[in-house]
Amino acid sequence: MVTFDKPGVYGIKCAPHYIMGMIGLVVVGDQTANLDAAKAVPHDIIATKRFEPLFAKVQ
């Protein structure tokens, strides 16, 4: 179990399935607290494409 105690946007990945693009985005409280930093995290091409529509929903 994971507890988020700071507001922001957190990317998560499924370790065994990350290469297939299995990712998620968790938004806690103030989503703008670290949005730019979260977007700047490098990912492989599939995960990057999967994160794009999720980040678009946050804005």
PDB file of N, CA and C in Angstrom:
ATOM      1  N   MET A   1       0.846  -1.172   0.000  1.00  0.00           N
ATOM      2  CA  MET A   1       0.000   0.000   0.000  1.00  0.00           C
ATOM      3  C   MET A   1       0.895   1.241   0.000  1.00  0.00           C
ATOM      4  N   VAL A   2       0.434   2.262  -0.690  1.00  0.00           N
ATOM      5  CA  VAL A   2       1.162   3.523  -0.777  1.00  0.00           C
ATOM      6  C   VAL A   2       0.263   4.628  -0.226  1.00  0.00           C
ATOM      7  N   THR A   3       0.846   5.508   0.561  1.00  0.00           N
ATOM      8  CA  THR A   3       0.127   6.659   1.089  1.00  0.00           C
ATOM      9  C   THR A   3       0.769   7.917   0.518  1.00  0.00           C
ATOM     10  N   PHE A   4      -0.038   8.771  -0.065  1.00  0.00           N
ATOM     11  CA  PHE A   4       0.433  10.041  -0.601  1.00  0.00           C
ATOM     12  C   PHE A   4       0.096  11.127   0.408  1.00  0.00           C
ATOM     13  N   ASP A   5       1.109  11.790   0.934  1.00  0.00           N
ATOM     14  CA  ASP A   5       0.861  12.815   1.950  1.00  0.00           C
ATOM     15  C   ASP A   5       1.168  14.223   1.460  1.00  0.00           C
ATOM     16  N   LYS A   6       1.556  14.350   0.209  1.00  0.00           N
ATOM     17  CA  LYS A   6       1.815  15.664  -0.365  1.00  0.00           C
ATOM     18  C   LYS A   6       0.966  15.827  -1.616  1.00  0.00           C
ATOM     19  N   PRO A   7       0.359  16.998  -1.807  1.00  0.00           N
ATOM     20  CA  PRO A   7      -0.432  17.232  -3.010  1.00  0.00           C
ATOM     21  C   PRO A   7       0.422  17.165  -4.265  1.00  0.00           C
ATOM     22  N   GLY A   8      -0.170  16.743  -5.338  1.00  0.00           N
ATOM     23  CA  GLY A   8       0.533  16.715  -6.607  1.00  0.00           C
ATOM     24  C   GLY A   8       0.069  15.604  -7.510  1.00  0.00           C
ATOM     25  N   VAL A   9       0.827  15.397  -8.566  1.00  0.00           N
ATOM     26  CA  VAL A   9       0.543  14.385  -9.578  1.00  0.00           C
ATOM     27  C   VAL A   9       1.661  13.357  -9.519  1.00  0.00           C
ATOM     28  N   TYR A  10       1.285  12.094  -9.470  1.00  0.00           N
ATOM     29  CA  TYR A  10       2.257  11.018  -9.345  1.00  0.00           C
ATOM     30  C   TYR A  10       2.027   9.970 -10.420  1.00  0.00           C
ATOM     31  N   GLY A  11       3.059   9.705 -11.196  1.00  0.00           N
ATOM     32  CA  GLY A  11       2.998   8.643 -12.185  1.00  0.00           C
ATOM     33  C   GLY A  11       3.348   7.320 -11.535  1.00  0.00           C
ATOM     34  N   ILE A  12       2.633   6.284 -11.914  1.00  0.00           N
ATOM     35  CA  ILE A  12       2.935   4.956 -11.397  1.00  0.00           C
ATOM     36  C   ILE A  12       3.100   4.013 -12.579  1.00  0.00           C
ATOM     37  N   LYS A  13       3.890   2.966 -12.358  1.00  0.00           N
ATOM     38  CA  LYS A  13       4.088   2.000 -13.431  1.00  0.00           C
ATOM     39  C   LYS A  13       4.025   0.594 -12.874  1.00  0.00           C
ATOM     40  N   CYS A  14       3.544  -0.299 -13.692  1.00  0.00           N
ATOM     41  CA  CYS A  14       3.521  -1.714 -13.356  1.00  0.00           C
ATOM     42  C   CYS A  14       4.878  -2.275 -13.769  1.00  0.00           C
ATOM     43  N   ALA A  15       5.669  -2.682 -12.790  1.00  0.00           N
ATOM     44  CA  ALA A  15       7.036  -3.120 -13.078  1.00  0.00           C
ATOM     45  C   ALA A  15       7.123  -4.191 -14.172  1.00  0.00           C
ATOM     46  N   PRO A  16       6.347  -5.273 -14.109  1.00  0.00           N
ATOM     47  CA  PRO A  16       6.510  -6.296 -15.144  1.00  0.00           C
ATOM     48  C   PRO A  16       5.892  -5.918 -16.495  1.00  0.00           C
ATOM     49  N   HIS A  17       4.988  -4.949 -16.514  1.00  0.00           N
ATOM     50  CA  HIS A  17       4.288  -4.621 -17.762  1.00  0.00           C
ATOM     51  C   HIS A  17       4.573  -3.216 -18.278  1.00  0.00           C
ATOM     52  N   TYR A  18       5.518  -2.534 -17.678  1.00  0.00           N
ATOM     53  CA  TYR A  18       5.841  -1.162 -18.070  1.00  0.00           C
ATOM     54  C   TYR A  18       6.225  -1.076 -19.541  1.00  0.00           C
ATOM     55  N   ILE A  19       6.975  -2.051 -20.032  1.00  0.00           N
ATOM     56  CA  ILE A  19       7.410  -1.993 -21.435  1.00  0.00           C
ATOM     57  C   ILE A  19       6.238  -2.089 -22.405  1.00  0.00           C
ATOM     58  N   MET A  20       5.085  -2.527 -21.910  1.00  0.00           N
ATOM     59  CA  MET A  20       3.876  -2.573 -22.732  1.00  0.00           C
ATOM     60  C   MET A  20       3.003  -1.340 -22.501  1.00  0.00           C
ATOM     61  N   GLY A  21       3.506  -0.419 -21.685  1.00  0.00           N
ATOM     62  CA  GLY A  21       2.799   0.834 -21.469  1.00  0.00           C
ATOM     63  C   GLY A  21       1.798   0.821 -20.332  1.00  0.00           C
ATOM     64  N   MET A  22       1.887  -0.120 -19.422  1.00  0.00           N
ATOM     65  CA  MET A  22       0.942  -0.164 -18.305  1.00  0.00           C
ATOM     66  C   MET A  22       1.395   0.829 -17.238  1.00  0.00           C
ATOM     67  N   ILE A  23       0.735   1.964 -17.242  1.00  0.00           N
ATOM     68  CA  ILE A  23       1.053   3.054 -16.323  1.00  0.00           C
ATOM     69  C   ILE A  23      -0.238   3.628 -15.761  1.00  0.00           C
ATOM     70  N   GLY A  24      -0.121   4.517 -14.811  1.00  0.00           N
ATOM     71  CA  GLY A  24      -1.272   5.212 -14.256  1.00  0.00           C
ATOM     72  C   GLY A  24      -0.850   6.557 -13.716  1.00  0.00           C
ATOM     73  N   LEU A  25      -1.821   7.370 -13.402  1.00  0.00           N
ATOM     74  CA  LEU A  25      -1.558   8.698 -12.868  1.00  0.00           C
ATOM     75  C   LEU A  25      -2.448   8.900 -11.655  1.00  0.00           C
ATOM     76  N   VAL A  26      -1.848   9.285 -10.545  1.00  0.00           N
ATOM     77  CA  VAL A  26      -2.582   9.547  -9.307  1.00  0.00           C
ATOM     78  C   VAL A  26      -2.524  11.043  -9.044  1.00  0.00           C
ATOM     79  N   VAL A  27      -3.678  11.645  -8.813  1.00  0.00           N
ATOM     80  CA  VAL A  27      -3.753  13.080  -8.508  1.00  0.00           C
ATOM     81  C   VAL A  27      -4.190  13.225  -7.055  1.00  0.00           C
ATOM     82  N   VAL A  28      -3.391  13.960  -6.291  1.00  0.00           N
ATOM     83  CA  VAL A  28      -3.660  14.155  -4.864  1.00  0.00           C
ATOM     84  C   VAL A  28      -3.814  15.647  -4.598  1.00  0.00           C
ATOM     85  N   GLY A  29      -4.998  16.056  -4.184  1.00  0.00           N
ATOM     86  CA  GLY A  29      -5.219  17.459  -3.829  1.00  0.00           C
ATOM     87  C   GLY A  29      -4.907  18.409  -4.967  1.00  0.00           C
ATOM     88  N   ASP A  30      -4.036  19.378  -4.696  1.00  0.00           N
ATOM     89  CA  ASP A  30      -3.660  20.411  -5.667  1.00  0.00           C
ATOM     90  C   ASP A  30      -2.819  19.786  -6.782  1.00  0.00           C
ATOM     91  N   GLN A  31      -3.438  19.581  -7.909  1.00  0.00           N
ATOM     92  CA  GLN A  31      -2.753  18.901  -9.013  1.00  0.00           C
ATOM     93  C   GLN A  31      -1.670  19.739  -9.660  1.00  0.00           C
ATOM     94  N   THR A  32      -1.636  21.032  -9.389  1.00  0.00           N
ATOM     95  CA  THR A  32      -0.614  21.879 -10.010  1.00  0.00           C
ATOM     96  C   THR A  32       0.663  21.941  -9.178  1.00  0.00           C
ATOM     97  N   ALA A  33       0.668  21.327  -8.010  1.00  0.00           N
ATOM     98  CA  ALA A  33       1.810  21.432  -7.101  1.00  0.00           C
ATOM     99  C   ALA A  33       3.112  20.965  -7.743  1.00  0.00           C
ATOM    100  N   ASN A  34       3.082  19.923  -8.536  1.00  0.00           N
ATOM    101  CA  ASN A  34       4.302  19.394  -9.153  1.00  0.00           C
ATOM    102  C   ASN A  34       4.064  18.933 -10.589  1.00  0.00           C
ATOM    103  N   LEU A  35       3.061  19.479 -11.229  1.00  0.00           N
ATOM    104  CA  LEU A  35       2.675  19.021 -12.563  1.00  0.00           C
ATOM    105  C   LEU A  35       3.828  19.111 -13.563  1.00  0.00           C
ATOM    106  N   ASP A  36       4.533  20.210 -13.591  1.00  0.00           N
ATOM    107  CA  ASP A  36       5.642  20.354 -14.541  1.00  0.00           C
ATOM    108  C   ASP A  36       6.742  19.330 -14.276  1.00  0.00           C
ATOM    109  N   ALA A  37       7.049  19.089 -13.013  1.00  0.00           N
ATOM    110  CA  ALA A  37       8.075  18.099 -12.672  1.00  0.00           C
ATOM    111  C   ALA A  37       7.630  16.697 -13.066  1.00  0.00           C
ATOM    112  N   ALA A  38       6.359  16.395 -12.869  1.00  0.00           N
ATOM    113  CA  ALA A  38       5.841  15.072 -13.238  1.00  0.00           C
ATOM    114  C   ALA A  38       5.908  14.862 -14.747  1.00  0.00           C
ATOM    115  N   LYS A  39       5.597  15.895 -15.507  1.00  0.00           N
ATOM    116  CA  LYS A  39       5.656  15.798 -16.975  1.00  0.00           C
ATOM    117  C   LYS A  39       7.092  15.634 -17.470  1.00  0.00           C
ATOM    118  N   ALA A  40       8.044  16.149 -16.720  1.00  0.00           N
ATOM    119  CA  ALA A  40       9.443  16.133 -17.153  1.00  0.00           C
ATOM    120  C   ALA A  40      10.144  14.795 -16.920  1.00  0.00           C
ATOM    121  N   VAL A  41       9.514  13.882 -16.205  1.00  0.00           N
ATOM    122  CA  VAL A  41      10.139  12.577 -15.948  1.00  0.00           C
ATOM    123  C   VAL A  41      10.225  11.807 -17.264  1.00  0.00           C
ATOM    124  N   PRO A  42      11.414  11.344 -17.626  1.00  0.00           N
ATOM    125  CA  PRO A  42      11.559  10.618 -18.895  1.00  0.00           C
ATOM    126  C   PRO A  42      10.995   9.195 -18.810  1.00  0.00           C
ATOM    127  N   HIS A  43      10.367   8.782 -19.902  1.00  0.00           N
ATOM    128  CA  HIS A  43       9.810   7.433 -20.027  1.00  0.00           C
ATOM    129  C   HIS A  43      10.110   6.912 -21.421  1.00  0.00           C
ATOM    130  N   ASP A  44       9.924   5.611 -21.599  1.00  0.00           N
ATOM    131  CA  ASP A  44      10.093   5.085 -22.948  1.00  0.00           C
ATOM    132  C   ASP A  44       8.933   5.571 -23.819  1.00  0.00           C
ATOM    133  N   ILE A  45       9.020   5.319 -25.101  1.00  0.00           N
ATOM    134  CA  ILE A  45       8.067   5.903 -26.053  1.00  0.00           C
ATOM    135  C   ILE A  45       6.626   5.454 -25.816  1.00  0.00           C
ATOM    136  N   ILE A  46       6.428   4.210 -25.451  1.00  0.00           N
ATOM    137  CA  ILE A  46       5.057   3.725 -25.235  1.00  0.00           C
ATOM    138  C   ILE A  46       4.454   4.370 -23.996  1.00  0.00           C
ATOM    139  N   ALA A  47       5.193   4.391 -22.905  1.00  0.00           N
ATOM    140  CA  ALA A  47       4.684   5.004 -21.675  1.00  0.00           C
ATOM    141  C   ALA A  47       4.445   6.494 -21.878  1.00  0.00           C
ATOM    142  N   THR A  48       5.323   7.157 -22.605  1.00  0.00           N
ATOM    143  CA  THR A  48       5.144   8.585 -22.884  1.00  0.00           C
ATOM    144  C   THR A  48       3.829   8.825 -23.609  1.00  0.00           C
ATOM    145  N   LYS A  49       3.530   8.007 -24.601  1.00  0.00           N
ATOM    146  CA  LYS A  49       2.269   8.155 -25.341  1.00  0.00           C
ATOM    147  C   LYS A  49       1.062   7.883 -24.456  1.00  0.00           C
ATOM    148  N   ARG A  50       1.201   6.986 -23.508  1.00  0.00           N
ATOM    149  CA  ARG A  50       0.084   6.673 -22.601  1.00  0.00           C
ATOM    150  C   ARG A  50      -0.111   7.768 -21.556  1.00  0.00           C
ATOM    151  N   PHE A  51       0.988   8.418 -21.134  1.00  0.00           N
ATOM    152  CA  PHE A  51       0.874   9.493 -20.154  1.00  0.00           C
ATOM    153  C   PHE A  51       0.253  10.753 -20.753  1.00  0.00           C
ATOM    154  N   GLU A  52       0.484  11.028 -22.024  1.00  0.00           N
ATOM    155  CA  GLU A  52       0.014  12.277 -22.645  1.00  0.00           C
ATOM    156  C   GLU A  52      -1.480  12.527 -22.430  1.00  0.00           C
ATOM    157  N   PRO A  53      -2.368  11.580 -22.744  1.00  0.00           N
ATOM    158  CA  PRO A  53      -3.796  11.860 -22.522  1.00  0.00           C
ATOM    159  C   PRO A  53      -4.167  11.970 -21.049  1.00  0.00           C
ATOM    160  N   LEU A  54      -3.429  11.300 -20.182  1.00  0.00           N
ATOM    161  CA  LEU A  54      -3.710  11.411 -18.751  1.00  0.00           C
ATOM    162  C   LEU A  54      -3.348  12.804 -18.246  1.00  0.00           C
ATOM    163  N   PHE A  55      -2.169  13.301 -18.659  1.00  0.00           N
ATOM    164  CA  PHE A  55      -1.789  14.658 -18.274  1.00  0.00           C
ATOM    165  C   PHE A  55      -2.777  15.687 -18.860  1.00  0.00           C
ATOM    166  N   ALA A  56      -3.296  15.441 -20.044  1.00  0.00           N
ATOM    167  CA  ALA A  56      -4.251  16.364 -20.657  1.00  0.00           C
ATOM    168  C   ALA A  56      -5.532  16.473 -19.823  1.00  0.00           C
ATOM    169  N   LYS A  57      -5.919  15.392 -19.176  1.00  0.00           N
ATOM    170  CA  LYS A  57      -7.109  15.428 -18.329  1.00  0.00           C
ATOM    171  C   LYS A  57      -6.887  16.212 -17.043  1.00  0.00           C
ATOM    172  N   VAL A  58      -5.647  16.282 -16.597  1.00  0.00           N
ATOM    173  CA  VAL A  58      -5.318  16.976 -15.360  1.00  0.00           C
ATOM    174  C   VAL A  58      -5.387  18.478 -15.550  1.00  0.00           C
ATOM    175  N   GLN A  59      -5.020  18.976 -16.695  1.00  0.00           N
ATOM    176  CA  GLN A  59      -4.917  20.423 -16.920  1.00  0.00           C
ATOM    177  C   GLN A  59      -6.251  21.091 -17.032  1.00  0.00           C
TER     178      GLN A  59
END
